[in-house]
């Protein structure tokens, strides 16, 4: 895979047919002559369901919200694992307010202690679930949900708890 080079900055209102977003991961089998692009793949539709955007981007900003390709890819994988459903949440460090992002095995194993990568504070999970997984993409999906022209699809909505 080669890193995507294009940048996308869009408003949802300009795509009344909706926007689909997913992280590009290496294919098991790739037969095209050109390399796959690594980044965030976007489909954006007109009101009559014509695809207006179909490409992979290094950087994606929707309604002023910037998405991290790694967080989007991991969020996709997390959404496919029913045993962690509802445990993937947005967490901010209580000391420096940095968005926390669990990587490696912590991205797929709920745990009760988190360590801030900015200030080093170790802090417990908060909320009704003792063991959670932090992914900042969850918070970003909440931000753009308010301006969505269509309801989130069911497979996306199950990642979003009713409250943060």
N, C-alpha and C. Protein backbone atom coordinates (compact mmCIF):
# COMPACT_ATOMS: atom_id res chain seq x y z
N UNK A 1 0.85 -1.18 0.00
CA UNK A 1 0.00 0.00 0.00
C UNK A 1 0.89 1.24 0.00
N UNK A 2 0.40 2.27 -0.64
CA UNK A 2 1.10 3.55 -0.60
C UNK A 2 0.16 4.57 0.05
N UNK A 3 0.73 5.49 0.81
CA UNK A 3 -0.12 6.50 1.46
C UNK A 3 -0.88 7.34 0.42
N UNK A 4 -2.14 7.58 0.68
CA UNK A 4 -2.93 8.47 -0.18
C UNK A 4 -2.33 9.87 -0.08
N UNK A 5 -2.52 10.67 -1.12
CA UNK A 5 -1.93 12.00 -1.12
C UNK A 5 -2.97 13.12 -1.08
N UNK A 6 -4.20 12.82 -1.44
CA UNK A 6 -5.22 13.87 -1.52
C UNK A 6 -5.81 14.19 -0.15
N UNK A 7 -6.31 15.41 -0.04
CA UNK A 7 -6.96 15.91 1.17
C UNK A 7 -8.41 16.22 0.80
N UNK A 8 -9.34 15.90 1.71
CA UNK A 8 -10.76 16.17 1.47
C UNK A 8 -11.31 17.00 2.61
N UNK A 9 -12.00 18.07 2.27
CA UNK A 9 -12.67 18.94 3.25
C UNK A 9 -14.06 19.21 2.69
N UNK A 10 -15.09 18.61 3.31
CA UNK A 10 -16.45 18.70 2.77
C UNK A 10 -17.45 19.06 3.86
N UNK A 11 -18.62 19.47 3.41
CA UNK A 11 -19.77 19.72 4.27
C UNK A 11 -20.83 18.69 3.92
N UNK A 12 -21.44 18.08 4.92
CA UNK A 12 -22.47 17.07 4.67
C UNK A 12 -23.63 17.62 3.86
N UNK A 13 -23.98 18.86 4.07
CA UNK A 13 -25.13 19.45 3.37
C UNK A 13 -24.95 19.45 1.85
N UNK A 14 -23.69 19.38 1.38
CA UNK A 14 -23.42 19.37 -0.06
C UNK A 14 -23.62 17.99 -0.69
N UNK A 15 -23.91 16.99 0.15
CA UNK A 15 -24.10 15.61 -0.34
C UNK A 15 -25.37 15.04 0.28
N UNK A 16 -26.54 15.47 -0.23
CA UNK A 16 -27.81 15.08 0.38
C UNK A 16 -28.09 13.58 0.33
N UNK A 17 -27.39 12.84 -0.50
CA UNK A 17 -27.54 11.38 -0.53
C UNK A 17 -26.71 10.69 0.53
N UNK A 18 -25.91 11.45 1.25
CA UNK A 18 -25.13 10.90 2.35
C UNK A 18 -23.66 10.72 2.01
N UNK A 19 -22.89 10.44 3.06
CA UNK A 19 -21.46 10.20 2.94
C UNK A 19 -21.16 8.88 3.64
N UNK A 20 -20.39 8.04 2.96
CA UNK A 20 -19.90 6.80 3.57
C UNK A 20 -18.40 6.96 3.77
N UNK A 21 -17.91 6.47 4.91
CA UNK A 21 -16.49 6.61 5.23
C UNK A 21 -15.99 5.31 5.82
N UNK A 22 -14.81 4.87 5.39
CA UNK A 22 -14.17 3.73 6.03
C UNK A 22 -12.66 3.81 5.82
N UNK A 23 -11.93 3.18 6.71
CA UNK A 23 -10.48 3.14 6.60
C UNK A 23 -10.08 2.10 5.57
N UNK A 24 -9.12 2.45 4.74
CA UNK A 24 -8.65 1.48 3.75
C UNK A 24 -7.62 0.56 4.41
N UNK A 25 -7.82 -0.71 4.28
CA UNK A 25 -6.93 -1.74 4.80
C UNK A 25 -6.41 -2.55 3.63
N UNK A 26 -5.23 -3.15 3.74
CA UNK A 26 -4.71 -3.94 2.63
C UNK A 26 -5.65 -5.09 2.27
N UNK A 27 -5.87 -5.27 1.00
CA UNK A 27 -6.71 -6.37 0.52
C UNK A 27 -5.98 -7.70 0.69
N UNK A 28 -6.71 -8.76 0.90
CA UNK A 28 -6.11 -10.09 0.96
C UNK A 28 -5.55 -10.46 -0.41
N UNK A 29 -6.29 -10.09 -1.44
CA UNK A 29 -5.85 -10.33 -2.81
C UNK A 29 -6.03 -9.04 -3.59
N UNK A 30 -4.97 -8.55 -4.20
CA UNK A 30 -5.01 -7.30 -4.96
C UNK A 30 -4.46 -7.58 -6.34
N UNK A 31 -5.29 -7.43 -7.38
CA UNK A 31 -4.86 -7.77 -8.74
C UNK A 31 -4.70 -6.56 -9.65
N UNK A 32 -4.99 -5.37 -9.16
CA UNK A 32 -4.85 -4.17 -9.98
C UNK A 32 -3.37 -3.86 -10.22
N UNK A 33 -3.08 -3.21 -11.32
CA UNK A 33 -1.70 -2.86 -11.66
C UNK A 33 -1.13 -1.80 -10.71
N UNK A 34 -1.96 -0.89 -10.24
CA UNK A 34 -1.49 0.16 -9.35
C UNK A 34 -1.64 -0.26 -7.89
N UNK A 35 -0.84 0.34 -7.02
CA UNK A 35 -0.90 0.03 -5.59
C UNK A 35 -2.18 0.57 -4.97
N UNK A 36 -2.60 -0.08 -3.90
CA UNK A 36 -3.73 0.43 -3.12
C UNK A 36 -3.29 1.70 -2.40
N UNK A 37 -4.24 2.59 -2.15
CA UNK A 37 -3.96 3.78 -1.36
C UNK A 37 -4.34 3.52 0.09
N UNK A 38 -3.52 3.99 1.00
CA UNK A 38 -3.77 3.88 2.43
C UNK A 38 -4.31 5.21 2.93
N UNK A 39 -5.43 5.18 3.64
CA UNK A 39 -6.04 6.40 4.17
C UNK A 39 -7.48 6.16 4.52
N UNK A 40 -8.33 7.14 4.24
CA UNK A 40 -9.77 7.03 4.49
C UNK A 40 -10.47 7.07 3.14
N UNK A 41 -11.28 6.05 2.89
CA UNK A 41 -12.03 6.00 1.63
C UNK A 41 -13.39 6.64 1.84
N UNK A 42 -13.79 7.45 0.88
CA UNK A 42 -15.06 8.19 0.97
C UNK A 42 -15.90 7.94 -0.27
N UNK A 43 -17.19 7.70 -0.02
CA UNK A 43 -18.22 7.75 -1.06
C UNK A 43 -19.18 8.86 -0.63
N UNK A 44 -19.45 9.79 -1.51
CA UNK A 44 -20.41 10.87 -1.22
C UNK A 44 -21.40 10.92 -2.37
N UNK A 45 -22.70 11.08 -2.04
CA UNK A 45 -23.77 10.92 -3.00
C UNK A 45 -24.63 12.17 -3.15
N UNK A 46 -25.14 12.34 -4.36
CA UNK A 46 -26.12 13.39 -4.64
C UNK A 46 -27.49 12.92 -4.13
N UNK A 47 -28.48 13.79 -4.21
CA UNK A 47 -29.83 13.46 -3.76
C UNK A 47 -30.41 12.30 -4.55
N UNK A 48 -30.02 12.14 -5.82
CA UNK A 48 -30.55 11.04 -6.64
C UNK A 48 -29.61 9.83 -6.65
N UNK A 49 -28.75 9.71 -5.61
CA UNK A 49 -27.88 8.55 -5.37
C UNK A 49 -26.75 8.40 -6.38
N UNK A 50 -26.41 9.48 -7.08
CA UNK A 50 -25.23 9.44 -7.97
C UNK A 50 -23.99 9.63 -7.10
N UNK A 51 -22.98 8.81 -7.34
CA UNK A 51 -21.75 8.94 -6.55
C UNK A 51 -20.94 10.12 -7.08
N UNK A 52 -20.66 11.07 -6.19
CA UNK A 52 -19.93 12.28 -6.54
C UNK A 52 -18.47 12.19 -6.12
N UNK A 53 -18.19 11.46 -5.06
CA UNK A 53 -16.82 11.24 -4.60
C UNK A 53 -16.65 9.75 -4.37
N UNK A 54 -15.58 9.19 -4.91
CA UNK A 54 -15.22 7.79 -4.71
C UNK A 54 -13.70 7.71 -4.76
N UNK A 55 -13.06 7.96 -3.62
CA UNK A 55 -11.60 7.97 -3.60
C UNK A 55 -11.08 7.81 -2.18
N UNK A 56 -9.78 7.62 -2.07
CA UNK A 56 -9.11 7.45 -0.79
C UNK A 56 -8.26 8.69 -0.53
N UNK A 57 -8.33 9.18 0.72
CA UNK A 57 -7.69 10.44 1.08
C UNK A 57 -6.76 10.26 2.27
N UNK A 58 -5.67 11.03 2.27
CA UNK A 58 -4.73 11.03 3.39
C UNK A 58 -5.34 11.73 4.60
N UNK A 59 -6.18 12.72 4.32
CA UNK A 59 -6.78 13.54 5.37
C UNK A 59 -8.22 13.82 5.00
N UNK A 60 -9.12 13.66 5.96
CA UNK A 60 -10.54 13.91 5.73
C UNK A 60 -11.08 14.82 6.83
N UNK A 61 -11.75 15.88 6.39
CA UNK A 61 -12.40 16.82 7.30
C UNK A 61 -13.86 16.91 6.85
N UNK A 62 -14.78 16.59 7.75
CA UNK A 62 -16.21 16.66 7.46
C UNK A 62 -16.83 17.65 8.44
N UNK A 63 -17.45 18.70 7.92
CA UNK A 63 -18.08 19.73 8.75
C UNK A 63 -17.12 20.29 9.80
N UNK A 64 -15.85 20.47 9.41
CA UNK A 64 -14.86 21.02 10.32
C UNK A 64 -14.25 20.03 11.30
N UNK A 65 -14.60 18.75 11.19
CA UNK A 65 -14.10 17.71 12.08
C UNK A 65 -13.07 16.86 11.31
N UNK A 66 -11.83 16.84 11.82
CA UNK A 66 -10.75 16.09 11.18
C UNK A 66 -10.71 14.65 11.70
N UNK A 67 -10.65 13.70 10.77
CA UNK A 67 -10.61 12.29 11.11
C UNK A 67 -9.21 11.71 10.91
N UNK A 68 -8.74 10.94 11.87
CA UNK A 68 -7.45 10.26 11.82
C UNK A 68 -7.65 8.91 11.12
N UNK A 69 -6.93 8.65 10.03
CA UNK A 69 -7.11 7.37 9.32
C UNK A 69 -6.90 6.14 10.20
N UNK A 70 -5.93 6.19 11.11
CA UNK A 70 -5.70 5.04 12.00
C UNK A 70 -6.90 4.82 12.91
N UNK A 71 -7.45 5.88 13.48
CA UNK A 71 -8.61 5.76 14.37
C UNK A 71 -9.81 5.21 13.60
N UNK A 72 -9.98 5.63 12.35
CA UNK A 72 -11.10 5.14 11.53
C UNK A 72 -10.92 3.66 11.22
N UNK A 73 -9.71 3.24 10.84
CA UNK A 73 -9.46 1.82 10.55
C UNK A 73 -9.70 0.95 11.77
N UNK A 74 -9.19 1.38 12.91
CA UNK A 74 -9.37 0.60 14.14
C UNK A 74 -10.83 0.59 14.55
N UNK A 75 -11.53 1.71 14.38
CA UNK A 75 -12.96 1.77 14.71
C UNK A 75 -13.75 0.76 13.87
N UNK A 76 -13.37 0.62 12.61
CA UNK A 76 -14.03 -0.37 11.75
C UNK A 76 -13.84 -1.78 12.31
N UNK A 77 -12.61 -2.12 12.68
CA UNK A 77 -12.34 -3.44 13.22
C UNK A 77 -13.07 -3.64 14.55
N UNK A 78 -13.09 -2.62 15.38
CA UNK A 78 -13.79 -2.71 16.67
C UNK A 78 -15.28 -2.95 16.47
N UNK A 79 -15.86 -2.31 15.46
CA UNK A 79 -17.29 -2.47 15.19
C UNK A 79 -17.66 -3.87 14.73
N UNK A 80 -16.68 -4.63 14.27
CA UNK A 80 -16.94 -6.00 13.79
C UNK A 80 -16.83 -7.04 14.91
N UNK A 81 -16.48 -6.60 16.10
CA UNK A 81 -16.28 -7.53 17.22
C UNK A 81 -17.42 -7.40 18.22
N UNK A 82 -18.38 -8.31 18.20
CA UNK A 82 -19.55 -8.16 19.08
C UNK A 82 -19.21 -8.19 20.57
N UNK A 83 -18.14 -8.84 20.97
CA UNK A 83 -17.83 -8.93 22.40
C UNK A 83 -17.35 -7.60 22.99
N UNK A 84 -17.03 -6.61 22.16
CA UNK A 84 -16.65 -5.29 22.71
C UNK A 84 -17.69 -4.22 22.38
N UNK A 85 -18.82 -4.64 21.83
CA UNK A 85 -19.88 -3.70 21.50
C UNK A 85 -20.28 -2.88 22.72
N UNK A 86 -20.33 -1.57 22.56
CA UNK A 86 -20.70 -0.67 23.66
C UNK A 86 -19.55 -0.30 24.57
N UNK A 87 -18.41 -0.97 24.43
CA UNK A 87 -17.26 -0.69 25.30
C UNK A 87 -16.23 0.23 24.64
N UNK A 88 -16.41 0.51 23.36
CA UNK A 88 -15.52 1.44 22.66
C UNK A 88 -16.12 2.83 22.85
N UNK A 89 -15.38 3.68 23.54
CA UNK A 89 -15.92 4.98 23.94
C UNK A 89 -14.89 6.09 23.71
N UNK A 90 -15.37 7.31 23.75
CA UNK A 90 -14.49 8.48 23.71
C UNK A 90 -14.06 8.78 25.14
N UNK A 91 -12.76 8.87 25.35
CA UNK A 91 -12.22 9.16 26.68
C UNK A 91 -11.21 10.30 26.54
N UNK A 92 -11.28 11.24 27.47
CA UNK A 92 -10.27 12.30 27.54
C UNK A 92 -9.55 12.19 28.88
N UNK A 93 -8.27 12.49 28.85
CA UNK A 93 -7.48 12.48 30.09
C UNK A 93 -8.08 13.50 31.05
N UNK A 94 -8.34 13.12 32.29
CA UNK A 94 -8.93 14.07 33.24
C UNK A 94 -7.97 15.19 33.64
N UNK A 95 -6.68 15.03 33.38
CA UNK A 95 -5.70 16.06 33.75
C UNK A 95 -5.44 17.05 32.62
N UNK A 96 -5.11 16.56 31.42
CA UNK A 96 -4.74 17.48 30.33
C UNK A 96 -5.80 17.57 29.23
N UNK A 97 -6.84 16.77 29.33
CA UNK A 97 -7.98 16.74 28.41
C UNK A 97 -7.64 16.25 27.00
N UNK A 98 -6.48 15.61 26.84
CA UNK A 98 -6.10 15.01 25.55
C UNK A 98 -7.03 13.83 25.25
N UNK A 99 -7.46 13.72 23.99
CA UNK A 99 -8.26 12.56 23.59
C UNK A 99 -7.38 11.32 23.70
N UNK A 100 -7.89 10.29 24.37
CA UNK A 100 -7.12 9.06 24.58
C UNK A 100 -7.43 8.07 23.46
N UNK A 101 -6.41 7.35 23.02
CA UNK A 101 -6.55 6.39 21.92
C UNK A 101 -5.80 5.12 22.28
N UNK A 102 -6.54 4.06 22.53
CA UNK A 102 -5.92 2.77 22.85
C UNK A 102 -5.44 2.10 21.57
N UNK A 103 -4.19 1.66 21.58
CA UNK A 103 -3.59 0.99 20.43
C UNK A 103 -3.12 -0.40 20.82
N UNK A 104 -2.69 -1.17 19.85
CA UNK A 104 -2.20 -2.52 20.10
C UNK A 104 -3.30 -3.40 20.68
N UNK A 105 -2.94 -4.27 21.60
CA UNK A 105 -3.93 -5.18 22.18
C UNK A 105 -4.99 -4.42 22.98
N UNK A 106 -4.63 -3.24 23.52
CA UNK A 106 -5.61 -2.45 24.27
C UNK A 106 -6.74 -1.93 23.37
N UNK A 107 -6.53 -1.89 22.05
CA UNK A 107 -7.57 -1.44 21.14
C UNK A 107 -8.67 -2.47 20.97
N UNK A 108 -8.41 -3.71 21.45
CA UNK A 108 -9.39 -4.78 21.26
C UNK A 108 -9.69 -5.54 22.55
N UNK A 109 -9.13 -5.10 23.65
CA UNK A 109 -9.36 -5.74 24.94
C UNK A 109 -9.81 -4.69 25.94
N UNK A 110 -11.06 -4.75 26.40
CA UNK A 110 -11.51 -3.77 27.40
C UNK A 110 -10.63 -3.84 28.65
N UNK A 111 -10.30 -2.67 29.20
CA UNK A 111 -9.46 -2.59 30.38
C UNK A 111 -9.91 -1.41 31.24
N UNK A 112 -9.50 -1.46 32.53
CA UNK A 112 -10.01 -0.46 33.47
C UNK A 112 -9.02 0.66 33.79
N UNK A 113 -7.77 0.56 33.33
CA UNK A 113 -6.78 1.62 33.58
C UNK A 113 -6.24 2.11 32.24
N UNK A 114 -6.16 3.42 32.08
CA UNK A 114 -5.68 4.03 30.85
C UNK A 114 -4.51 4.95 31.21
N UNK A 115 -3.55 5.10 30.28
CA UNK A 115 -2.40 5.98 30.51
C UNK A 115 -2.37 7.02 29.39
N UNK A 116 -2.40 8.28 29.77
CA UNK A 116 -2.37 9.38 28.81
C UNK A 116 -1.02 9.43 28.11
N UNK A 117 -1.04 9.50 26.79
CA UNK A 117 0.21 9.58 26.03
C UNK A 117 0.80 10.98 26.05
N UNK A 118 0.03 11.97 26.46
CA UNK A 118 0.54 13.34 26.52
C UNK A 118 1.19 13.64 27.87
N UNK A 119 0.46 13.43 28.96
CA UNK A 119 0.98 13.82 30.28
C UNK A 119 1.40 12.65 31.16
N UNK A 120 1.08 11.40 30.75
CA UNK A 120 1.51 10.22 31.50
C UNK A 120 0.61 9.83 32.65
N UNK A 121 -0.47 10.57 32.88
CA UNK A 121 -1.38 10.24 33.98
C UNK A 121 -2.03 8.88 33.74
N UNK A 122 -2.04 8.05 34.77
CA UNK A 122 -2.80 6.80 34.72
C UNK A 122 -4.14 7.08 35.38
N UNK A 123 -5.22 6.73 34.68
CA UNK A 123 -6.55 7.04 35.20
C UNK A 123 -7.51 5.89 34.91
N UNK A 124 -8.55 5.75 35.74
CA UNK A 124 -9.51 4.66 35.55
C UNK A 124 -10.55 5.01 34.48
N UNK A 125 -11.17 3.97 33.95
CA UNK A 125 -12.33 4.19 33.07
C UNK A 125 -13.40 4.87 33.89
N UNK A 126 -14.22 5.69 33.21
CA UNK A 126 -15.32 6.36 33.90
C UNK A 126 -16.62 5.98 33.24
N UNK A 127 -17.68 6.11 33.93
CA UNK A 127 -18.99 5.76 33.39
C UNK A 127 -19.48 4.46 33.97
N UNK A 128 -20.54 3.94 33.39
CA UNK A 128 -21.17 2.75 33.96
C UNK A 128 -20.38 1.48 33.70
N UNK A 129 -19.52 1.46 32.67
CA UNK A 129 -18.70 0.29 32.38
C UNK A 129 -17.31 0.46 32.98
N UNK A 130 -16.87 -0.54 33.73
CA UNK A 130 -15.56 -0.45 34.37
C UNK A 130 -14.45 -0.66 33.35
N UNK A 131 -14.63 -1.58 32.41
CA UNK A 131 -13.60 -1.87 31.41
C UNK A 131 -14.05 -1.34 30.05
N UNK A 132 -13.22 -0.48 29.47
CA UNK A 132 -13.56 0.15 28.20
C UNK A 132 -12.33 0.18 27.28
N UNK A 133 -12.58 0.62 26.06
CA UNK A 133 -11.54 0.84 25.05
C UNK A 133 -11.75 2.26 24.53
N UNK A 134 -10.67 3.02 24.43
CA UNK A 134 -10.77 4.41 23.98
C UNK A 134 -10.43 4.53 22.50
N UNK A 135 -11.33 5.19 21.76
CA UNK A 135 -11.07 5.52 20.36
C UNK A 135 -11.66 6.91 20.11
N UNK A 136 -10.82 7.88 19.74
CA UNK A 136 -11.32 9.25 19.54
C UNK A 136 -12.29 9.38 18.36
N UNK A 137 -12.31 8.41 17.46
CA UNK A 137 -13.25 8.47 16.33
C UNK A 137 -14.70 8.47 16.82
N UNK A 138 -14.95 7.86 17.96
CA UNK A 138 -16.32 7.81 18.51
C UNK A 138 -16.81 9.22 18.81
N UNK A 139 -15.98 10.03 19.43
CA UNK A 139 -16.35 11.41 19.74
C UNK A 139 -16.58 12.20 18.45
N UNK A 140 -15.72 11.99 17.45
CA UNK A 140 -15.84 12.71 16.19
C UNK A 140 -17.13 12.34 15.46
N UNK A 141 -17.51 11.06 15.52
CA UNK A 141 -18.77 10.64 14.91
C UNK A 141 -19.96 11.34 15.58
N UNK A 142 -19.87 11.54 16.89
CA UNK A 142 -20.92 12.29 17.60
C UNK A 142 -21.01 13.72 17.09
N UNK A 143 -19.86 14.35 16.86
CA UNK A 143 -19.85 15.74 16.39
C UNK A 143 -20.55 15.87 15.04
N UNK A 144 -20.25 14.97 14.10
CA UNK A 144 -20.85 15.11 12.77
C UNK A 144 -22.25 14.54 12.70
N UNK A 145 -22.63 13.75 13.67
CA UNK A 145 -23.98 13.16 13.70
C UNK A 145 -25.06 14.24 13.73
N UNK A 146 -24.80 15.32 14.43
CA UNK A 146 -25.78 16.40 14.57
C UNK A 146 -26.12 17.04 13.23
N UNK A 147 -25.15 17.09 12.31
CA UNK A 147 -25.37 17.73 11.01
C UNK A 147 -25.62 16.74 9.88
N UNK A 148 -25.76 15.46 10.22
CA UNK A 148 -25.95 14.44 9.18
C UNK A 148 -27.28 14.66 8.47
N UNK A 149 -27.27 14.50 7.15
CA UNK A 149 -28.49 14.68 6.37
C UNK A 149 -29.34 13.41 6.42
N UNK A 150 -28.73 12.31 6.83
CA UNK A 150 -29.44 11.03 6.97
C UNK A 150 -29.03 10.40 8.30
N UNK A 151 -29.87 9.51 8.81
CA UNK A 151 -29.52 8.78 10.03
C UNK A 151 -28.31 7.89 9.76
N UNK A 152 -27.48 7.70 10.79
CA UNK A 152 -26.36 6.78 10.64
C UNK A 152 -26.91 5.38 10.38
N UNK A 153 -26.21 4.63 9.55
CA UNK A 153 -26.63 3.25 9.29
C UNK A 153 -26.47 2.44 10.56
N UNK A 154 -27.25 1.40 10.68
CA UNK A 154 -27.28 0.60 11.90
C UNK A 154 -25.89 0.12 12.32
N UNK A 155 -25.08 -0.36 11.38
CA UNK A 155 -23.76 -0.87 11.76
C UNK A 155 -22.86 0.24 12.30
N UNK A 156 -23.11 1.49 11.91
CA UNK A 156 -22.34 2.61 12.46
C UNK A 156 -22.92 3.02 13.82
N UNK A 157 -24.22 3.02 13.92
CA UNK A 157 -24.88 3.51 15.12
C UNK A 157 -24.57 2.65 16.34
N UNK A 158 -24.31 1.35 16.17
CA UNK A 158 -24.06 0.51 17.34
C UNK A 158 -22.75 0.89 18.03
N UNK A 159 -21.86 1.61 17.32
CA UNK A 159 -20.63 2.07 17.95
C UNK A 159 -20.88 3.27 18.85
N UNK A 160 -22.00 3.94 18.64
CA UNK A 160 -22.26 5.18 19.37
C UNK A 160 -23.14 4.94 20.58
N UNK A 161 -22.59 5.10 21.79
CA UNK A 161 -23.45 5.00 22.97
C UNK A 161 -24.42 6.18 22.98
N UNK A 162 -25.50 6.05 23.69
CA UNK A 162 -26.49 7.12 23.75
C UNK A 162 -25.91 8.40 24.34
N UNK A 163 -25.00 8.26 25.29
CA UNK A 163 -24.36 9.43 25.88
C UNK A 163 -22.87 9.18 25.98
N UNK A 164 -22.10 10.25 26.01
CA UNK A 164 -20.65 10.11 26.17
C UNK A 164 -20.28 10.08 27.63
